[in-house]
Amino acid sequence: MGNLAKRRALGFGACALASSLWGCGFFFGKIALAEMGVAHMVLYRFLFAMVPLAPLLVTHRPGLNMREWGVLGVAAFLGVPVQFLLQFYGLSLTTVSHASLMVGTMPVILAVGATLFAHERMDRVGWVALVGSTCGAALIALGGHAVGGATMGGDLLVVVSLVIALFWILMNKQLMERHSAVVVTAYGLLLGTLMLVVWVPVRYGMPPVAGVSLKAWLALAASGVLCTATTTLLWNWGLTQVPASQAGVLLNMEPLIGSLLGVFALGERLGPKAWVGGALILAAVVTLTTRSKTRVREHMPVT
């Protein structure tokens, strides 16, 4: 195997592993939410994420100019406190399996974002995939009332958080054209974590320490180290080796693993509409990433 082929294989492997770990995020989050509020859970998640990232802050100097620090700051604000507080508040109102399936709309959201903000055009197949994915998300949301613990409001908040994540993605992509994935990831997550450290205690009080079970601490540590720090580094590095348009299909693993964990590990149930909606979303994503001739610019990270 040549060097180029080996690097591409490693890139696809990194993206696949990142997507699989992301699929566990809602599962771990739901465990922690049983013992604390959304804001405190998100704060702990990012504090744990900074543990493995801290050495990278020492070994990698940022080298950003003032304008780039501004872009990184806005991206961190949207991508960490805004996106995650909304997303996990939505999770608190719905089920892990429903939230995971709604994340299946993300590749299509990326395609629409590229069309609107990167002046790219989707072909007919791409628009058909978009319509199919939208119908799938609507079926999941509308079918939520029939399944214990799932609500339309929670499902829709997860989708809103994904739209916000799009702007985080596009801004990070811009910065990664001049700076390494390690720098953008480590310093971006640091800024976002500092925002949470300032905001959460003032708005919601100090996070709980006493009375939190070992199970919850382990879930928080796993969500921070595995589902935040590791995934972001893996995905951003992977997209420096392979085109985002080709790696995008690997995002299918996130809703698949997340929904399976919800059903088999937490005993959640998916109603008939949710199963049909999930199938439509996955079919749309596969169609968009394998059949559509729409070109998505490379090195677009997902977090």
Protein backbone atom coordinates (compact mmCIF):
# COMPACT_ATOMS: atom_id res chain seq x y z
CA MET A 1 0.00 0.00 0.00
CA GLY A 2 1.42 3.37 -1.04
CA ASN A 3 1.90 6.21 1.41
CA LEU A 4 -1.03 8.19 -0.04
CA ALA A 5 -3.35 5.18 0.07
CA LYS A 6 -2.27 4.42 3.63
CA ARG A 7 -2.97 7.97 4.77
CA ARG A 8 -6.38 7.89 3.11
CA ALA A 9 -7.19 4.60 4.83
CA LEU A 10 -6.11 6.06 8.17
CA GLY A 11 -8.19 9.16 7.47
CA PHE A 12 -11.32 7.13 6.80
CA GLY A 13 -10.61 5.04 9.88
CA ALA A 14 -10.27 8.17 12.04
CA CYS A 15 -13.57 9.57 10.74
CA ALA A 16 -15.34 6.24 11.26
CA LEU A 17 -14.09 5.96 14.84
CA ALA A 18 -15.04 9.57 15.57
CA SER A 19 -18.56 9.05 14.28
CA SER A 20 -18.94 5.84 16.30
CA LEU A 21 -17.85 7.59 19.49
CA TRP A 22 -20.16 10.52 18.80
CA GLY A 23 -22.97 7.99 18.69
CA CYS A 24 -22.36 7.29 22.40
CA GLY A 25 -22.64 10.96 23.42
CA PHE A 26 -26.39 11.06 23.99
CA PHE A 27 -26.23 7.74 25.84
CA PHE A 28 -23.65 9.00 28.33
CA GLY A 29 -25.42 12.34 28.56
CA LYS A 30 -28.73 10.73 29.49
CA ILE A 31 -27.02 8.83 32.34
CA ALA A 32 -25.59 12.06 33.78
CA LEU A 33 -28.85 13.98 33.28
CA ALA A 34 -30.52 11.60 35.72
CA GLU A 35 -28.46 13.21 38.52
CA MET A 36 -27.91 16.83 37.45
CA GLY A 37 -29.23 19.57 35.21
CA VAL A 38 -28.37 20.15 31.57
CA ALA A 39 -26.00 23.09 32.14
CA HIS A 40 -23.98 21.33 34.83
CA MET A 41 -23.73 18.17 32.75
CA VAL A 42 -22.44 20.13 29.74
CA LEU A 43 -19.94 22.02 31.93
CA TYR A 44 -18.53 18.80 33.36
CA ARG A 45 -18.37 17.24 29.90
CA PHE A 46 -16.10 20.00 28.62
CA LEU A 47 -14.01 20.17 31.77
CA PHE A 48 -13.25 16.48 31.31
CA ALA A 49 -12.58 17.09 27.60
CA MET A 50 -9.90 19.65 28.44
CA VAL A 51 -7.88 17.12 30.47
CA PRO A 52 -6.37 15.31 27.44
CA LEU A 53 -6.28 18.55 25.43
CA ALA A 54 -4.30 20.53 28.02
CA PRO A 55 -0.86 19.14 26.96
CA LEU A 56 -1.62 20.18 23.35
CA LEU A 57 -2.05 23.77 24.50
CA VAL A 58 1.55 23.65 25.74
CA THR A 59 3.09 21.91 22.72
CA HIS A 60 1.15 23.80 20.01
CA ARG A 61 1.32 27.57 19.89
CA PRO A 62 -1.79 29.09 18.30
CA GLY A 63 -0.22 31.64 15.93
CA LEU A 64 -3.58 33.30 15.24
CA ASN A 65 -3.89 36.99 14.44
CA MET A 66 -6.52 39.24 16.05
CA ARG A 67 -9.12 38.64 13.35
CA GLU A 68 -8.66 34.89 13.58
CA TRP A 69 -8.99 34.97 17.38
CA GLY A 70 -12.29 36.78 16.83
CA VAL A 71 -13.48 34.12 14.40
CA LEU A 72 -12.40 31.36 16.78
CA GLY A 73 -14.16 33.08 19.69
CA VAL A 74 -17.46 33.38 17.83
CA ALA A 75 -17.14 29.79 16.59
CA ALA A 76 -16.46 28.58 20.14
CA PHE A 77 -19.45 30.52 21.48
CA LEU A 78 -21.79 29.00 18.90
CA GLY A 79 -20.26 25.54 18.96
CA VAL A 80 -19.93 24.96 22.70
CA PRO A 81 -22.29 26.84 25.05
CA VAL A 82 -25.04 27.61 22.52
CA GLN A 83 -25.05 24.34 20.57
CA PHE A 84 -24.52 21.95 23.47
CA LEU A 85 -26.86 23.62 25.95
CA LEU A 86 -29.62 23.59 23.34
CA GLN A 87 -28.84 20.07 22.18
CA PHE A 88 -28.80 18.50 25.61
CA TYR A 89 -31.81 20.46 26.79
CA GLY A 90 -33.53 18.88 23.81
CA LEU A 91 -32.21 15.48 24.92
CA SER A 92 -33.69 16.04 28.38
CA LEU A 93 -37.09 16.37 26.69
CA THR A 94 -36.81 13.36 24.38
CA THR A 95 -35.16 9.95 24.15
CA VAL A 96 -31.62 8.94 23.19
CA SER A 97 -32.89 6.99 20.19
CA HIS A 98 -34.98 9.91 18.88
CA ALA A 99 -32.19 12.47 19.41
CA SER A 100 -29.68 10.20 17.67
CA LEU A 101 -31.91 9.72 14.65
CA MET A 102 -32.43 13.48 14.37
CA VAL A 103 -28.63 13.85 14.18
CA GLY A 104 -28.92 11.86 10.96
CA THR A 105 -30.03 15.11 9.30
CA MET A 106 -26.56 16.65 9.82
CA PRO A 107 -24.94 15.57 6.51
CA VAL A 108 -27.86 17.09 4.61
CA ILE A 109 -27.63 20.27 6.71
CA LEU A 110 -23.96 20.43 5.74
CA ALA A 111 -24.86 20.10 2.08
CA VAL A 112 -27.42 22.91 2.34
CA GLY A 113 -24.90 25.04 4.20
CA ALA A 114 -22.35 24.52 1.45
CA THR A 115 -24.98 25.56 -1.09
CA LEU A 116 -25.98 28.72 0.77
CA PHE A 117 -22.65 29.88 2.14
CA ALA A 118 -20.01 28.34 -0.15
CA HIS A 119 -21.84 29.09 -3.40
CA GLU A 120 -22.19 25.44 -4.35
CA ARG A 121 -25.15 23.95 -6.21
CA MET A 122 -26.94 20.73 -5.37
CA ASP A 123 -28.11 18.61 -8.27
CA ARG A 124 -31.54 16.99 -8.55
CA VAL A 125 -30.46 13.93 -6.59
CA GLY A 126 -29.24 16.19 -3.79
CA TRP A 127 -32.56 18.00 -3.56
CA VAL A 128 -34.46 14.71 -3.53
CA ALA A 129 -32.24 13.56 -0.67
CA LEU A 130 -32.93 16.82 1.17
CA VAL A 131 -36.68 16.37 0.84
CA GLY A 132 -36.44 12.74 1.98
CA SER A 133 -34.37 13.66 5.02
CA THR A 134 -36.76 16.47 5.96
CA CYS A 135 -39.72 14.10 5.72
CA GLY A 136 -37.86 11.59 7.87
CA ALA A 137 -37.14 14.16 10.57
CA ALA A 138 -40.78 15.27 10.50
CA LEU A 139 -41.99 11.68 10.92
CA ILE A 140 -39.71 11.17 13.94
CA ALA A 141 -40.83 14.42 15.57
CA LEU A 142 -44.54 13.90 14.85
CA GLY A 143 -44.37 10.31 16.04
CA GLY A 144 -42.70 11.24 19.32
CA HIS A 145 -45.93 11.60 21.33
CA ALA A 146 -46.66 7.91 20.80
CA VAL A 147 -43.42 6.79 22.44
CA GLY A 148 -42.75 7.19 26.15
CA GLY A 149 -40.26 9.95 26.90
CA ALA A 150 -40.02 11.41 23.37
CA THR A 151 -41.43 14.85 22.54
CA MET A 152 -41.64 16.94 19.40
CA GLY A 153 -40.09 19.92 21.19
CA GLY A 154 -37.06 17.92 22.28
CA ASP A 155 -36.53 16.49 18.79
CA LEU A 156 -36.77 19.92 17.17
CA LEU A 157 -34.32 21.48 19.65
CA VAL A 158 -31.76 18.85 18.63
CA VAL A 159 -32.22 19.84 14.98
CA VAL A 160 -31.91 23.56 15.84
CA SER A 161 -28.63 22.80 17.63
CA LEU A 162 -27.37 21.08 14.47
CA VAL A 163 -28.13 24.18 12.38
CA ILE A 164 -26.12 26.24 14.87
CA ALA A 165 -23.34 23.65 14.63
CA LEU A 166 -23.20 24.32 10.88
CA PHE A 167 -21.81 27.81 11.50
CA TRP A 168 -19.26 26.40 13.97
CA ILE A 169 -18.21 23.95 11.26
CA LEU A 170 -17.88 26.58 8.53
CA MET A 171 -15.88 28.94 10.75
CA ASN A 172 -13.56 26.15 11.90
CA LYS A 173 -13.11 25.13 8.28
CA GLN A 174 -12.01 28.64 7.43
CA LEU A 175 -9.44 28.65 10.24
CA MET A 176 -8.11 25.18 9.32
CA GLU A 177 -7.10 26.50 5.90
CA ARG A 178 -4.22 28.28 7.69
CA HIS A 179 -3.85 26.48 11.00
CA SER A 180 -3.62 22.85 12.10
CA ALA A 181 -6.60 20.82 13.24
CA VAL A 182 -4.93 20.44 16.65
CA VAL A 183 -4.70 24.21 17.18
CA VAL A 184 -8.26 24.92 16.05
CA THR A 185 -9.64 22.03 18.12
CA ALA A 186 -7.70 22.58 21.34
CA TYR A 187 -7.95 26.36 21.53
CA GLY A 188 -11.54 26.44 20.27
CA LEU A 189 -12.69 23.98 22.92
CA LEU A 190 -10.67 25.88 25.55
CA LEU A 191 -12.48 29.14 24.74
CA GLY A 192 -15.85 27.38 24.76
CA THR A 193 -15.10 25.73 28.09
CA LEU A 194 -14.05 29.05 29.65
CA MET A 195 -17.38 30.52 28.52
CA LEU A 196 -19.21 27.68 30.27
CA VAL A 197 -17.10 28.14 33.42
CA VAL A 198 -18.13 31.81 33.57
CA TRP A 199 -21.79 31.43 32.57
CA VAL A 200 -23.05 28.22 34.17
CA PRO A 201 -22.26 28.94 37.87
CA VAL A 202 -23.68 32.46 37.58
CA ARG A 203 -26.87 31.39 35.85
CA TYR A 204 -27.45 27.93 37.32
CA GLY A 205 -25.33 27.83 40.50
CA MET A 206 -22.29 25.76 41.31
CA PRO A 207 -22.29 22.27 39.78
CA PRO A 208 -23.02 19.39 42.16
CA VAL A 209 -20.16 17.33 43.58
CA ALA A 210 -21.50 15.50 46.61
CA GLY A 211 -24.18 12.96 45.90
CA VAL A 212 -23.13 12.31 42.30
CA SER A 213 -22.76 8.58 41.75
CA LEU A 214 -19.67 6.89 40.32
CA LYS A 215 -21.79 5.84 37.34
CA ALA A 216 -22.55 9.47 36.53
CA TRP A 217 -18.90 10.55 36.94
CA LEU A 218 -17.80 7.78 34.59
CA ALA A 219 -20.45 8.82 32.06
CA LEU A 220 -19.29 12.44 32.27
CA ALA A 221 -15.64 11.45 31.87
CA ALA A 222 -16.45 9.24 28.89
CA SER A 223 -18.55 11.94 27.22
CA GLY A 224 -15.76 14.49 27.67
CA VAL A 225 -12.68 12.43 26.86
CA LEU A 226 -14.12 10.04 24.27
CA CYS A 227 -17.11 11.88 22.79
CA THR A 228 -15.68 15.41 22.73
CA ALA A 229 -11.88 15.69 22.81
CA THR A 230 -11.06 12.43 21.01
CA THR A 231 -13.82 12.68 18.42
CA THR A 232 -13.06 16.28 17.45
CA LEU A 233 -9.35 15.60 17.06
CA LEU A 234 -9.96 12.39 15.10
CA TRP A 235 -12.51 13.93 12.76
CA ASN A 236 -10.58 17.12 12.08
CA TRP A 237 -7.37 15.15 11.41
CA GLY A 238 -9.25 12.65 9.25
CA LEU A 239 -10.58 15.43 7.07
CA THR A 240 -7.06 16.59 6.33
CA GLN A 241 -6.50 13.19 4.67
CA VAL A 242 -9.78 12.56 2.82
CA PRO A 243 -12.49 14.70 1.19
CA ALA A 244 -15.39 15.64 3.45
CA SER A 245 -17.82 14.64 0.71
CA GLN A 246 -16.52 11.06 0.90
CA ALA A 247 -16.15 10.95 4.68
CA GLY A 248 -19.67 12.31 5.18
CA VAL A 249 -21.26 8.90 4.67
CA LEU A 250 -19.47 7.72 7.82
CA LEU A 251 -21.70 10.05 9.84
CA ASN A 252 -24.39 7.40 9.38
CA MET A 253 -22.73 5.46 12.17
CA GLU A 254 -23.62 8.13 14.76
CA PRO A 255 -27.43 7.87 14.57
CA LEU A 256 -27.17 4.12 14.09
CA ILE A 257 -25.11 3.51 17.24
CA GLY A 258 -26.95 6.14 19.27
CA SER A 259 -30.40 4.78 18.50
CA LEU A 260 -29.29 1.18 19.12
CA LEU A 261 -27.87 2.17 22.52
CA GLY A 262 -31.13 3.88 23.37
CA VAL A 263 -33.23 0.88 22.41
CA PHE A 264 -31.09 -1.96 23.76
CA ALA A 265 -29.20 -0.34 26.67
CA LEU A 266 -31.84 2.07 28.00
CA GLY A 267 -34.93 0.10 27.03
CA GLU A 268 -36.40 2.91 24.89
CA ARG A 269 -38.98 2.21 22.20
CA LEU A 270 -39.22 3.58 18.68
CA GLY A 271 -42.67 3.93 17.22
CA PRO A 272 -43.49 2.94 13.61
CA LYS A 273 -43.15 6.53 12.36
CA ALA A 274 -39.70 6.83 13.97
CA TRP A 275 -38.47 3.64 12.29
CA VAL A 276 -39.72 4.87 8.90
CA GLY A 277 -38.33 8.37 9.54
CA GLY A 278 -34.93 7.01 10.56
CA ALA A 279 -34.79 4.86 7.43
CA LEU A 280 -35.63 7.89 5.28
CA ILE A 281 -32.87 9.96 6.90
CA LEU A 282 -30.24 7.25 6.47
CA ALA A 283 -31.33 6.59 2.88
CA ALA A 284 -31.15 10.32 2.13
CA VAL A 285 -27.66 10.63 3.59
CA VAL A 286 -26.37 7.61 1.69
CA THR A 287 -27.92 8.97 -1.52
CA LEU A 288 -26.48 12.43 -1.00
CA THR A 289 -22.96 11.24 -0.21
CA THR A 290 -22.71 8.50 -2.83
CA ARG A 291 -25.02 9.42 -5.73
CA SER A 292 -25.25 13.19 -5.80
CA LYS A 293 -22.75 15.04 -7.97
CA THR A 294 -22.80 18.01 -5.62
CA ARG A 295 -19.25 18.93 -4.62
CA VAL A 296 -18.74 19.75 -0.96
CA ARG A 297 -15.52 21.55 -0.23
CA GLU A 298 -12.96 19.43 1.52
CA HIS A 299 -11.69 19.63 5.08
CA MET A 300 -15.08 20.41 6.59
CA PRO A 301 -15.04 19.19 10.21
CA VAL A 302 -17.98 18.01 12.26
CA THR A 303 -18.09 18.38 16.04
